[in-house]
Every structure is written in C-alpha cells, then in structure tokens.
Amino acid sequence: MNSWKITKVTPVTGVPQLDILWEDGYFARVDLSRIVALNAETARLGDMDYFQGVTIIDWGWGVGWSDDLDLGADNLRTWAEEQNRARTDRAGKNLPTAPVSSWAQP
C-alpha cells in the first residue's frame, strides 16, 4: 500500500476544488463536487466560505476543516489520479470518462 503525505493544500476560489502537493512531488487539482453531493455532512463543502478554511492535518496524512470534517491524503491522491486519467491519456487524447469514485453517487 502506498501512503502519500500532503505538503501543501490550497482551495480554489469559487469551486469545491483543492490544489494539492504531495511530498513525492505529485501535484493535482482535486474536484470534490461529487463528495459535496453525498450527504448533509459533506454538503458543507459547497459553502465556499467554509471550504476556504481547509488546512493540512495529522502531519500531512489528510486535510480538514474546523469542525472535524476531514479527508485522508490517500483518498485524495486516488481521486486526483482517477480524475487525471479521466481527463487525458499520455498522448493527450481524451479518454471516455467513467464516474470518478463511483461509490460517490448521490
């Protein structure tokens, strides 16, 4: 199992997306729109004022907000890689897009 620690997280203004840098140098913009739609608990991430309060927690093993809502670094990395694969292949061609993290169906 791979474990990736987060070294920097920056919320993107106006959308539920995070720019994340992991300690191995991997950088990605992670779209959390599907997570927002899951339930009332995660719906808070749709409030952009709340969303902007994201911080790195647990020595880089996740990100969180002031009221104990948090997301693990490994899950975020998996979502980032899934989203990047869905956007493009190595030749720059668009791939068919499957639901990212299909378990996150509202």
C-alpha atoms as a PDB file:
ATOM      1  CA  MET A   1       0.000   0.000   0.000  1.00  0.00           C
ATOM      2  CA  ASN A   2       1.278   3.449  -0.911  1.00  0.00           C
ATOM      3  CA  SER A   3       0.963   6.296   1.535  1.00  0.00           C
ATOM      4  CA  TRP A   4       1.264   9.865   0.423  1.00  0.00           C
ATOM      5  CA  LYS A   5       1.642  12.821   2.737  1.00  0.00           C
ATOM      6  CA  ILE A   6       0.347  16.237   1.707  1.00  0.00           C
ATOM      7  CA  THR A   7       2.783  19.146   1.934  1.00  0.00           C
ATOM      8  CA  LYS A   8       0.565  21.942   0.601  1.00  0.00           C
ATOM      9  CA  VAL A   9      -3.163  22.455   0.072  1.00  0.00           C
ATOM     10  CA  THR A  10      -4.803  25.500  -1.478  1.00  0.00           C
ATOM     11  CA  PRO A  11      -8.554  25.860  -2.011  1.00  0.00           C
ATOM     12  CA  VAL A  12      -9.558  27.025  -5.482  1.00  0.00           C
ATOM     13  CA  THR A  13     -11.713  30.150  -5.326  1.00  0.00           C
ATOM     14  CA  GLY A  14     -15.409  29.701  -6.115  1.00  0.00           C
ATOM     15  CA  VAL A  15     -15.482  25.920  -6.688  1.00  0.00           C
ATOM     16  CA  PRO A  16     -15.095  22.873  -4.407  1.00  0.00           C
ATOM     17  CA  GLN A  17     -11.624  22.009  -5.665  1.00  0.00           C
ATOM     18  CA  LEU A  18      -8.274  21.753  -3.930  1.00  0.00           C
ATOM     19  CA  ASP A  19      -4.800  22.243  -5.366  1.00  0.00           C
ATOM     20  CA  ILE A  20      -2.694  19.660  -3.545  1.00  0.00           C
ATOM     21  CA  LEU A  21       1.034  18.957  -3.489  1.00  0.00           C
ATOM     22  CA  TRP A  22       2.170  15.601  -2.060  1.00  0.00           C
ATOM     23  CA  GLU A  23       5.621  15.043  -0.586  1.00  0.00           C
ATOM     24  CA  ASP A  24       6.666  12.894  -3.567  1.00  0.00           C
ATOM     25  CA  GLY A  25       6.229  15.963  -5.831  1.00  0.00           C
ATOM     26  CA  TYR A  26       2.901  14.948  -7.366  1.00  0.00           C
ATOM     27  CA  PHE A  27       0.600  17.958  -7.842  1.00  0.00           C
ATOM     28  CA  ALA A  28      -3.061  17.870  -8.796  1.00  0.00           C
ATOM     29  CA  ARG A  29      -6.275  19.812  -8.667  1.00  0.00           C
ATOM     30  CA  VAL A  30      -8.865  17.600  -6.978  1.00  0.00           C
ATOM     31  CA  ASP A  31     -12.527  18.225  -7.746  1.00  0.00           C
ATOM     32  CA  LEU A  32     -14.699  17.455  -4.712  1.00  0.00           C
ATOM     33  CA  SER A  33     -18.054  18.247  -6.373  1.00  0.00           C
ATOM     34  CA  ARG A  34     -19.203  14.608  -6.136  1.00  0.00           C
ATOM     35  CA  ILE A  35     -18.238  14.489  -2.467  1.00  0.00           C
ATOM     36  CA  VAL A  36     -20.273  17.638  -1.779  1.00  0.00           C
ATOM     37  CA  ALA A  37     -23.359  15.891  -3.194  1.00  0.00           C
ATOM     38  CA  LEU A  38     -23.031  12.782  -0.996  1.00  0.00           C
ATOM     39  CA  ASN A  39     -24.949  13.841   2.113  1.00  0.00           C
ATOM     40  CA  ALA A  40     -25.662  16.654   4.565  1.00  0.00           C
ATOM     41  CA  GLU A  41     -22.304  16.154   6.301  1.00  0.00           C
ATOM     42  CA  THR A  42     -20.239  16.687   3.159  1.00  0.00           C
ATOM     43  CA  ALA A  43     -22.645  19.261   1.685  1.00  0.00           C
ATOM     44  CA  ARG A  44     -20.929  21.831   3.927  1.00  0.00           C
ATOM     45  CA  LEU A  45     -18.022  21.717   1.483  1.00  0.00           C
ATOM     46  CA  GLY A  46     -20.271  23.506  -1.006  1.00  0.00           C
ATOM     47  CA  ASP A  47     -20.201  26.617   1.206  1.00  0.00           C
ATOM     48  CA  MET A  48     -17.210  28.425  -0.266  1.00  0.00           C
ATOM     49  CA  ASP A  49     -16.537  30.460   2.891  1.00  0.00           C
ATOM     50  CA  TYR A  50     -16.360  27.212   4.862  1.00  0.00           C
ATOM     51  CA  PHE A  51     -14.372  25.454   2.123  1.00  0.00           C
ATOM     52  CA  GLN A  52     -11.654  28.141   2.182  1.00  0.00           C
ATOM     53  CA  GLY A  53     -10.826  27.116   5.780  1.00  0.00           C
ATOM     54  CA  VAL A  54      -9.129  23.862   4.735  1.00  0.00           C
ATOM     55  CA  THR A  55      -5.852  23.006   6.457  1.00  0.00           C
ATOM     56  CA  ILE A  56      -3.377  20.139   6.483  1.00  0.00           C
ATOM     57  CA  ILE A  57      -3.965  17.824   9.454  1.00  0.00           C
ATOM     58  CA  ASP A  58      -2.320  14.821  11.083  1.00  0.00           C
ATOM     59  CA  TRP A  59       1.202  15.717   9.938  1.00  0.00           C
ATOM     60  CA  GLY A  60       0.174  15.654   6.273  1.00  0.00           C
ATOM     61  CA  TRP A  61      -1.930  12.493   6.295  1.00  0.00           C
ATOM     62  CA  GLY A  62      -5.086  14.464   5.474  1.00  0.00           C
ATOM     63  CA  VAL A  63      -6.856  17.784   5.130  1.00  0.00           C
ATOM     64  CA  GLY A  64      -9.608  19.063   7.360  1.00  0.00           C
ATOM     65  CA  TRP A  65     -11.899  21.851   8.366  1.00  0.00           C
ATOM     66  CA  SER A  66     -12.585  23.404  11.756  1.00  0.00           C
ATOM     67  CA  ASP A  67     -15.486  21.131  12.710  1.00  0.00           C
ATOM     68  CA  ASP A  68     -13.759  17.753  12.299  1.00  0.00           C
ATOM     69  CA  LEU A  69     -14.763  17.139   8.682  1.00  0.00           C
ATOM     70  CA  ASP A  70     -11.646  15.661   7.109  1.00  0.00           C
ATOM     71  CA  LEU A  71     -10.400  13.741   4.077  1.00  0.00           C
ATOM     72  CA  GLY A  72      -7.439  11.378   4.044  1.00  0.00           C
ATOM     73  CA  ALA A  73      -4.370  12.017   1.912  1.00  0.00           C
ATOM     74  CA  ASP A  74      -4.557   8.539   0.340  1.00  0.00           C
ATOM     75  CA  ASN A  75      -8.186   9.028  -0.732  1.00  0.00           C
ATOM     76  CA  LEU A  76      -7.414  12.459  -2.151  1.00  0.00           C
ATOM     77  CA  ARG A  77      -4.454  11.045  -4.089  1.00  0.00           C
ATOM     78  CA  THR A  78      -6.602   8.241  -5.510  1.00  0.00           C
ATOM     79  CA  TRP A  79      -9.293  10.710  -6.580  1.00  0.00           C
ATOM     80  CA  ALA A  80      -6.648  13.005  -8.117  1.00  0.00           C
ATOM     81  CA  GLU A  81      -5.180  10.168 -10.158  1.00  0.00           C
ATOM     82  CA  GLU A  82      -8.636   8.951 -11.258  1.00  0.00           C
ATOM     83  CA  GLN A  83      -9.639  12.441 -12.331  1.00  0.00           C
ATOM     84  CA  ASN A  84      -6.394  12.989 -14.227  1.00  0.00           C
ATOM     85  CA  ARG A  85      -6.756   9.648 -16.054  1.00  0.00           C
ATOM     86  CA  ALA A  86     -10.318  10.546 -16.962  1.00  0.00           C
ATOM     87  CA  ARG A  87      -9.195  13.876 -18.453  1.00  0.00           C
ATOM     88  CA  THR A  88      -6.441  12.703 -20.734  1.00  0.00           C
ATOM     89  CA  ASP A  89      -4.198   9.823 -21.697  1.00  0.00           C
ATOM     90  CA  ARG A  90      -0.427  10.047 -22.244  1.00  0.00           C
ATOM     91  CA  ALA A  91      -0.890  11.038 -25.889  1.00  0.00           C
ATOM     92  CA  GLY A  92      -3.131  13.922 -24.867  1.00  0.00           C
ATOM     93  CA  LYS A  93      -6.305  12.332 -26.218  1.00  0.00           C
ATOM     94  CA  ASN A  94      -9.475  12.496 -24.208  1.00  0.00           C
ATOM     95  CA  LEU A  95     -10.466   9.214 -22.659  1.00  0.00           C
ATOM     96  CA  PRO A  96     -14.031   8.123 -22.042  1.00  0.00           C
ATOM     97  CA  THR A  97     -14.971   9.408 -18.629  1.00  0.00           C
ATOM     98  CA  ALA A  98     -16.293   6.940 -16.102  1.00  0.00           C
ATOM     99  CA  PRO A  99     -17.766   8.158 -12.840  1.00  0.00           C
ATOM    100  CA  VAL A 100     -14.945   9.205 -10.562  1.00  0.00           C
ATOM    101  CA  SER A 101     -15.132   7.222  -7.356  1.00  0.00           C
ATOM    102  CA  SER A 102     -18.364   5.597  -8.454  1.00  0.00           C
ATOM    103  CA  TRP A 103     -19.288   4.898  -4.842  1.00  0.00           C
ATOM    104  CA  ALA A 104     -19.831   8.656  -4.505  1.00  0.00           C
ATOM    105  CA  GLN A 105     -23.172   8.583  -6.251  1.00  0.00           C
ATOM    106  CA  PRO A 106     -25.719  10.921  -4.583  1.00  0.00           C
END
